[in-house]
Amino acid sequence: MSTVGDSLDAQGPTGLVARVKGIIMQPKSEWRVIDGESTTVSQLYTGYIIPLSAIPPIASVIGLSIFGVSLPLLGTYRVPLGSALTSAITQYVLGLAGIYVLALIIDALAPTFAGQKNQIQALKVAAYSSTASWLAGIFALIPGLRIFGLLGLYGLYLLYTGLPTLMKAPAEKAMGYTVVVIICAIVIFIVIGSIAGRFVSYPALGGLQ
C-alpha cells in the first residue's frame, strides 16, 4: 500500500505538484488513489497542508502592503507591513487548526449520512478538498485579480466527490453530507477571518492624503 507522506517526502516538490495536479484535474480518480494511501496526521500536515495553506496569507501580505487596496473616494491604501504580517500569521495558524476541526466534523457526521467514521480519511478529505481555495489565494496578490479567488469554489466539487469515496457514504447521501460540511466550514472560516481581520484597519474617509 502506498503512503502519500513517503511519496511527498521522497519526491519533494515533485510529489506535491503531482498530487495538486491530480486532485484538480482528475478528482474522481485521484480520490480513489488517496483512499488507498496510508498516512498520518503529521505527514498530511508537513507534506501538504502546511506548504499549500501558506499561499493565501503570503499573497495577502504582499497584496495588502505592496499593491494596496482600492477604497472608494480614498484611492489606494497600503496596509502597514506589521499589521498585514500579524493578520496573515494569525490567519495561517488558525487555518491549520481549522482544517483539523473540519476533519473532526466530517468524521463525526459520517454515521449520520451512512458513512464510516475514520479520522485520517476525514483529514484527507478536509485537506485535499481545500486545494482549490489555497491555490486561488494567489489572486490576493493583485487587487484587480482578486475576483478570480472565486475559482476556489471548485473545492466544493472536490468535497462532493471526496466524501463518498473516502468516508464511504452512499452516493445518494453525498449531496446532503456535502451541504452540511460546507455550512460548518463557512462558520469555521468566518470566525478565522474575523479574528485575523482585527489586525488590519482601514482609514476613515479623509484619512488618506
C-alpha atoms as a PDB file:
ATOM      1  CA  MET A   1       0.000   0.000   0.000  1.00  0.00           C
ATOM      2  CA  SER A   2       1.412   3.387  -0.963  1.00  0.00           C
ATOM      3  CA  THR A   3       1.992   6.132   1.550  1.00  0.00           C
ATOM      4  CA  VAL A   4       1.347   9.701   0.486  1.00  0.00           C
ATOM      5  CA  GLY A   5       3.659  11.030   3.202  1.00  0.00           C
ATOM      6  CA  ASP A   6       6.509   8.838   1.976  1.00  0.00           C
ATOM      7  CA  SER A   7       5.748   9.802  -1.623  1.00  0.00           C
ATOM      8  CA  LEU A   8       5.753  13.516  -0.915  1.00  0.00           C
ATOM      9  CA  ASP A   9       8.859  13.280   1.272  1.00  0.00           C
ATOM     10  CA  ALA A  10      10.721  11.213  -1.308  1.00  0.00           C
ATOM     11  CA  GLN A  11       9.807  13.317  -4.313  1.00  0.00           C
ATOM     12  CA  GLY A  12       9.742  16.671  -2.563  1.00  0.00           C
ATOM     13  CA  PRO A  13       8.006  19.396  -4.553  1.00  0.00           C
ATOM     14  CA  THR A  14       7.502  16.962  -7.445  1.00  0.00           C
ATOM     15  CA  GLY A  15       5.223  14.733  -5.373  1.00  0.00           C
ATOM     16  CA  LEU A  16       3.315  17.734  -4.073  1.00  0.00           C
ATOM     17  CA  VAL A  17       2.777  19.144  -7.557  1.00  0.00           C
ATOM     18  CA  ALA A  18       1.644  15.748  -8.844  1.00  0.00           C
ATOM     19  CA  ARG A  19      -0.951  15.470  -6.085  1.00  0.00           C
ATOM     20  CA  VAL A  20      -2.203  19.011  -6.690  1.00  0.00           C
ATOM     21  CA  LYS A  21      -2.462  18.365 -10.425  1.00  0.00           C
ATOM     22  CA  GLY A  22      -4.261  15.079  -9.844  1.00  0.00           C
ATOM     23  CA  ILE A  23      -6.846  16.392  -7.387  1.00  0.00           C
ATOM     24  CA  ILE A  24      -7.590  19.443  -9.555  1.00  0.00           C
ATOM     25  CA  MET A  25      -7.586  17.822 -12.987  1.00  0.00           C
ATOM     26  CA  GLN A  26      -8.879  14.317 -12.245  1.00  0.00           C
ATOM     27  CA  PRO A  27     -10.508  14.437  -8.807  1.00  0.00           C
ATOM     28  CA  LYS A  28     -12.576  11.262  -9.041  1.00  0.00           C
ATOM     29  CA  SER A  29      -9.658   9.030  -9.966  1.00  0.00           C
ATOM     30  CA  GLU A  30      -7.312  10.856  -7.585  1.00  0.00           C
ATOM     31  CA  TRP A  31      -9.715  10.353  -4.670  1.00  0.00           C
ATOM     32  CA  ARG A  32      -9.584   6.598  -5.340  1.00  0.00           C
ATOM     33  CA  VAL A  33      -5.792   6.712  -5.144  1.00  0.00           C
ATOM     34  CA  ILE A  34      -5.945   8.782  -1.958  1.00  0.00           C
ATOM     35  CA  ASP A  35      -8.448   6.347  -0.452  1.00  0.00           C
ATOM     36  CA  GLY A  36      -5.896   3.528  -0.581  1.00  0.00           C
ATOM     37  CA  GLU A  37      -2.992   5.503   0.856  1.00  0.00           C
ATOM     38  CA  SER A  38      -1.722   5.042   4.387  1.00  0.00           C
ATOM     39  CA  THR A  39      -0.624   8.233   6.088  1.00  0.00           C
ATOM     40  CA  THR A  40      -0.587  10.074   9.409  1.00  0.00           C
ATOM     41  CA  VAL A  41      -1.732  13.463  10.636  1.00  0.00           C
ATOM     42  CA  SER A  42       1.858  14.734  10.740  1.00  0.00           C
ATOM     43  CA  GLN A  43       2.572  13.542   7.192  1.00  0.00           C
ATOM     44  CA  LEU A  44      -0.528  15.223   5.840  1.00  0.00           C
ATOM     45  CA  TYR A  45       0.369  18.465   7.573  1.00  0.00           C
ATOM     46  CA  THR A  46       4.072  18.597   6.738  1.00  0.00           C
ATOM     47  CA  GLY A  47       3.748  17.198   3.233  1.00  0.00           C
ATOM     48  CA  TYR A  48       0.649  19.034   2.050  1.00  0.00           C
ATOM     49  CA  ILE A  49      -1.379  21.222   4.391  1.00  0.00           C
ATOM     50  CA  ILE A  50       1.400  23.404   5.793  1.00  0.00           C
ATOM     51  CA  PRO A  51       3.002  24.369   2.450  1.00  0.00           C
ATOM     52  CA  LEU A  52      -0.191  24.860   0.447  1.00  0.00           C
ATOM     53  CA  SER A  53      -2.177  26.697   3.102  1.00  0.00           C
ATOM     54  CA  ALA A  54       0.643  29.252   3.275  1.00  0.00           C
ATOM     55  CA  ILE A  55      -0.246  30.556  -0.209  1.00  0.00           C
ATOM     56  CA  PRO A  56      -3.241  32.764   0.749  1.00  0.00           C
ATOM     57  CA  PRO A  57      -1.633  34.513   3.755  1.00  0.00           C
ATOM     58  CA  ILE A  58       1.632  35.157   1.888  1.00  0.00           C
ATOM     59  CA  ALA A  59      -0.245  36.541  -1.103  1.00  0.00           C
ATOM     60  CA  SER A  60      -2.397  38.612   1.242  1.00  0.00           C
ATOM     61  CA  VAL A  61       0.628  40.250   2.876  1.00  0.00           C
ATOM     62  CA  ILE A  62       2.113  41.179  -0.490  1.00  0.00           C
ATOM     63  CA  GLY A  63      -1.207  42.322  -1.902  1.00  0.00           C
ATOM     64  CA  LEU A  64      -2.171  44.471   1.071  1.00  0.00           C
ATOM     65  CA  SER A  65       1.235  46.017   1.803  1.00  0.00           C
ATOM     66  CA  ILE A  66       2.809  46.389  -1.639  1.00  0.00           C
ATOM     67  CA  PHE A  67      -0.058  46.728  -4.118  1.00  0.00           C
ATOM     68  CA  GLY A  68      -2.593  48.013  -1.592  1.00  0.00           C
ATOM     69  CA  VAL A  69      -6.363  48.029  -1.736  1.00  0.00           C
ATOM     70  CA  SER A  70      -8.622  50.458  -3.539  1.00  0.00           C
ATOM     71  CA  LEU A  71     -11.022  52.252  -1.214  1.00  0.00           C
ATOM     72  CA  PRO A  72     -13.984  54.279  -2.508  1.00  0.00           C
ATOM     73  CA  LEU A  73     -13.210  58.034  -2.537  1.00  0.00           C
ATOM     74  CA  LEU A  74      -9.880  57.369  -0.832  1.00  0.00           C
ATOM     75  CA  GLY A  75      -7.753  55.839  -3.551  1.00  0.00           C
ATOM     76  CA  THR A  76      -5.162  53.141  -2.902  1.00  0.00           C
ATOM     77  CA  TYR A  77      -4.329  52.303   0.676  1.00  0.00           C
ATOM     78  CA  ARG A  78      -1.310  50.180   1.602  1.00  0.00           C
ATOM     79  CA  VAL A  79      -1.704  48.361   4.887  1.00  0.00           C
ATOM     80  CA  PRO A  80       1.329  48.715   7.196  1.00  0.00           C
ATOM     81  CA  LEU A  81       3.551  45.641   6.831  1.00  0.00           C
ATOM     82  CA  GLY A  82       3.443  44.843  10.546  1.00  0.00           C
ATOM     83  CA  SER A  83      -0.350  44.750  10.586  1.00  0.00           C
ATOM     84  CA  ALA A  84      -0.522  42.696   7.405  1.00  0.00           C
ATOM     85  CA  LEU A  85       2.018  40.189   8.737  1.00  0.00           C
ATOM     86  CA  THR A  86       0.237  39.822  12.064  1.00  0.00           C
ATOM     87  CA  SER A  87      -3.068  39.255  10.310  1.00  0.00           C
ATOM     88  CA  ALA A  88      -1.540  36.737   7.883  1.00  0.00           C
ATOM     89  CA  ILE A  89       0.223  34.752  10.605  1.00  0.00           C
ATOM     90  CA  THR A  90      -2.982  34.634  12.649  1.00  0.00           C
ATOM     91  CA  GLN A  91      -4.941  33.536   9.577  1.00  0.00           C
ATOM     92  CA  TYR A  92      -2.339  30.865   8.813  1.00  0.00           C
ATOM     93  CA  VAL A  93      -2.126  29.355  12.292  1.00  0.00           C
ATOM     94  CA  LEU A  94      -5.893  29.372  12.814  1.00  0.00           C
ATOM     95  CA  GLY A  95      -6.342  27.961   9.315  1.00  0.00           C
ATOM     96  CA  LEU A  96      -4.138  24.992  10.184  1.00  0.00           C
ATOM     97  CA  ALA A  97      -6.260  24.364  13.245  1.00  0.00           C
ATOM     98  CA  GLY A  98      -9.435  24.947  11.232  1.00  0.00           C
ATOM     99  CA  ILE A  99      -8.609  22.120   8.824  1.00  0.00           C
ATOM    100  CA  TYR A 100      -8.268  19.720  11.745  1.00  0.00           C
ATOM    101  CA  VAL A 101     -11.542  20.900  13.279  1.00  0.00           C
ATOM    102  CA  LEU A 102     -13.243  20.471   9.909  1.00  0.00           C
ATOM    103  CA  ALA A 103     -11.875  16.928   9.720  1.00  0.00           C
ATOM    104  CA  LEU A 104     -13.338  16.145  13.148  1.00  0.00           C
ATOM    105  CA  ILE A 105     -16.708  17.425  11.954  1.00  0.00           C
ATOM    106  CA  ILE A 106     -16.527  15.361   8.758  1.00  0.00           C
ATOM    107  CA  ASP A 107     -15.706  12.304  10.827  1.00  0.00           C
ATOM    108  CA  ALA A 108     -18.455  12.939  13.379  1.00  0.00           C
ATOM    109  CA  LEU A 109     -21.072  13.436  10.652  1.00  0.00           C
ATOM    110  CA  ALA A 110     -20.193  10.262   8.748  1.00  0.00           C
ATOM    111  CA  PRO A 111     -22.663   7.926  10.517  1.00  0.00           C
ATOM    112  CA  THR A 112     -25.465  10.458  10.013  1.00  0.00           C
ATOM    113  CA  PHE A 113     -25.052  10.012   6.267  1.00  0.00           C
ATOM    114  CA  ALA A 114     -24.489   6.238   6.396  1.00  0.00           C
ATOM    115  CA  GLY A 115     -20.731   6.674   6.123  1.00  0.00           C
ATOM    116  CA  GLN A 116     -17.865   5.201   8.107  1.00  0.00           C
ATOM    117  CA  LYS A 117     -16.012   7.111  10.807  1.00  0.00           C
ATOM    118  CA  ASN A 118     -12.266   7.398  10.170  1.00  0.00           C
ATOM    119  CA  GLN A 119     -10.341  10.431  11.353  1.00  0.00           C
ATOM    120  CA  ILE A 120      -7.424  10.047   8.943  1.00  0.00           C
ATOM    121  CA  GLN A 121      -9.756   9.679   5.970  1.00  0.00           C
ATOM    122  CA  ALA A 122     -11.683  12.715   7.193  1.00  0.00           C
ATOM    123  CA  LEU A 123      -8.476  14.745   7.409  1.00  0.00           C
ATOM    124  CA  LYS A 124      -7.615  13.689   3.857  1.00  0.00           C
ATOM    125  CA  VAL A 125     -10.990  14.993   2.693  1.00  0.00           C
ATOM    126  CA  ALA A 126     -10.582  18.280   4.568  1.00  0.00           C
ATOM    127  CA  ALA A 127      -7.049  18.790   3.275  1.00  0.00           C
ATOM    128  CA  TYR A 128      -7.322  17.769  -0.353  1.00  0.00           C
ATOM    129  CA  SER A 129     -10.709  19.397  -0.943  1.00  0.00           C
ATOM    130  CA  SER A 130      -9.153  22.669   0.267  1.00  0.00           C
ATOM    131  CA  THR A 131      -6.562  22.573  -2.531  1.00  0.00           C
ATOM    132  CA  ALA A 132      -8.550  24.780  -4.909  1.00  0.00           C
ATOM    133  CA  SER A 133      -9.152  27.512  -2.331  1.00  0.00           C
ATOM    134  CA  TRP A 134      -5.472  27.524  -1.314  1.00  0.00           C
ATOM    135  CA  LEU A 135      -4.350  27.829  -4.921  1.00  0.00           C
ATOM    136  CA  ALA A 136      -6.917  30.544  -5.616  1.00  0.00           C
ATOM    137  CA  GLY A 137      -5.415  32.513  -2.732  1.00  0.00           C
ATOM    138  CA  ILE A 138      -2.616  33.560  -5.084  1.00  0.00           C
ATOM    139  CA  PHE A 139      -5.025  36.044  -6.662  1.00  0.00           C
ATOM    140  CA  ALA A 140      -4.913  38.106  -3.473  1.00  0.00           C
ATOM    141  CA  LEU A 141      -1.567  39.377  -4.751  1.00  0.00           C
ATOM    142  CA  ILE A 142      -3.032  41.934  -7.138  1.00  0.00           C
ATOM    143  CA  PRO A 143      -6.237  43.889  -6.400  1.00  0.00           C
ATOM    144  CA  GLY A 144      -7.571  43.563  -9.940  1.00  0.00           C
ATOM    145  CA  LEU A 145      -7.297  39.783  -9.847  1.00  0.00           C
ATOM    146  CA  ARG A 146      -8.962  39.157  -6.508  1.00  0.00           C
ATOM    147  CA  ILE A 147     -12.275  38.324  -8.161  1.00  0.00           C
ATOM    148  CA  PHE A 148     -10.592  35.196  -9.537  1.00  0.00           C
ATOM    149  CA  GLY A 149     -10.367  33.961  -5.966  1.00  0.00           C
ATOM    150  CA  LEU A 150     -13.874  32.653  -6.640  1.00  0.00           C
ATOM    151  CA  LEU A 151     -12.196  29.824  -8.538  1.00  0.00           C
ATOM    152  CA  GLY A 152     -11.583  28.389  -5.085  1.00  0.00           C
ATOM    153  CA  LEU A 153     -15.253  27.398  -5.083  1.00  0.00           C
ATOM    154  CA  TYR A 154     -14.155  24.414  -7.151  1.00  0.00           C
ATOM    155  CA  GLY A 155     -13.274  22.988  -3.751  1.00  0.00           C
ATOM    156  CA  LEU A 156     -16.988  22.387  -3.195  1.00  0.00           C
ATOM    157  CA  TYR A 157     -16.968  19.904  -6.051  1.00  0.00           C
ATOM    158  CA  LEU A 158     -13.813  18.300  -4.679  1.00  0.00           C
ATOM    159  CA  LEU A 159     -15.572  17.869  -1.349  1.00  0.00           C
ATOM    160  CA  TYR A 160     -18.661  16.424  -3.035  1.00  0.00           C
ATOM    161  CA  THR A 161     -16.611  13.839  -4.913  1.00  0.00           C
ATOM    162  CA  GLY A 162     -14.327  13.021  -1.997  1.00  0.00           C
ATOM    163  CA  LEU A 163     -16.851  12.356   0.761  1.00  0.00           C
ATOM    164  CA  PRO A 164     -18.472   9.236  -0.733  1.00  0.00           C
ATOM    165  CA  THR A 165     -15.108   7.764  -1.744  1.00  0.00           C
ATOM    166  CA  LEU A 166     -13.203   8.274   1.493  1.00  0.00           C
ATOM    167  CA  MET A 167     -15.978   8.299   4.080  1.00  0.00           C
ATOM    168  CA  LYS A 168     -17.952   5.510   2.330  1.00  0.00           C
ATOM    169  CA  ALA A 169     -21.181   7.479   2.296  1.00  0.00           C
ATOM    170  CA  PRO A 170     -23.745   6.290  -0.293  1.00  0.00           C
ATOM    171  CA  ALA A 171     -23.807   8.404  -3.455  1.00  0.00           C
ATOM    172  CA  GLU A 172     -27.405   9.457  -2.813  1.00  0.00           C
ATOM    173  CA  LYS A 173     -26.399  10.966   0.524  1.00  0.00           C
ATOM    174  CA  ALA A 174     -23.295  12.732  -0.768  1.00  0.00           C
ATOM    175  CA  MET A 175     -25.104  15.999  -1.530  1.00  0.00           C
ATOM    176  CA  GLY A 176     -26.635  16.303   1.919  1.00  0.00           C
ATOM    177  CA  TYR A 177     -23.322  15.368   3.551  1.00  0.00           C
ATOM    178  CA  THR A 178     -21.535  17.970   1.434  1.00  0.00           C
ATOM    179  CA  VAL A 179     -24.006  20.749   2.230  1.00  0.00           C
ATOM    180  CA  VAL A 180     -23.766  20.205   5.988  1.00  0.00           C
ATOM    181  CA  VAL A 181     -19.955  20.106   5.878  1.00  0.00           C
ATOM    182  CA  ILE A 182     -19.902  23.293   3.786  1.00  0.00           C
ATOM    183  CA  ILE A 183     -22.080  25.101   6.316  1.00  0.00           C
ATOM    184  CA  CYS A 184     -19.745  24.040   9.122  1.00  0.00           C
ATOM    185  CA  ALA A 185     -16.692  25.092   7.092  1.00  0.00           C
ATOM    186  CA  ILE A 186     -18.211  28.514   6.411  1.00  0.00           C
ATOM    187  CA  VAL A 187     -18.758  29.078  10.119  1.00  0.00           C
ATOM    188  CA  ILE A 188     -15.199  27.965  10.970  1.00  0.00           C
ATOM    189  CA  PHE A 189     -13.530  30.186   8.410  1.00  0.00           C
ATOM    190  CA  ILE A 190     -15.755  33.192   9.055  1.00  0.00           C
ATOM    191  CA  VAL A 191     -14.535  33.042  12.644  1.00  0.00           C
ATOM    192  CA  ILE A 192     -10.919  32.737  11.451  1.00  0.00           C
ATOM    193  CA  GLY A 193     -11.324  35.641   9.024  1.00  0.00           C
ATOM    194  CA  SER A 194     -12.965  37.771  11.678  1.00  0.00           C
ATOM    195  CA  ILE A 195     -10.121  37.193  14.135  1.00  0.00           C
ATOM    196  CA  ALA A 196      -7.389  37.776  11.539  1.00  0.00           C
ATOM    197  CA  GLY A 197      -9.180  40.874  10.228  1.00  0.00           C
ATOM    198  CA  ARG A 198      -8.975  42.549  13.629  1.00  0.00           C
ATOM    199  CA  PHE A 199      -5.287  43.204  12.977  1.00  0.00           C
ATOM    200  CA  VAL A 200      -5.926  45.202   9.799  1.00  0.00           C
ATOM    201  CA  SER A 201      -7.612  48.590   9.969  1.00  0.00           C
ATOM    202  CA  TYR A 202      -8.523  50.928   7.136  1.00  0.00           C
ATOM    203  CA  PRO A 203      -8.606  54.737   7.222  1.00  0.00           C
ATOM    204  CA  ALA A 204     -11.852  56.593   7.507  1.00  0.00           C
ATOM    205  CA  LEU A 205     -12.986  58.982   4.781  1.00  0.00           C
ATOM    206  CA  GLY A 206     -10.407  61.731   4.527  1.00  0.00           C
ATOM    207  CA  GLY A 207      -7.747  59.608   6.174  1.00  0.00           C
ATOM    208  CA  LEU A 208      -5.601  59.388   3.043  1.00  0.00           C
ATOM    209  CA  GLN A 209      -3.555  62.255   1.790  1.00  0.00           C
END
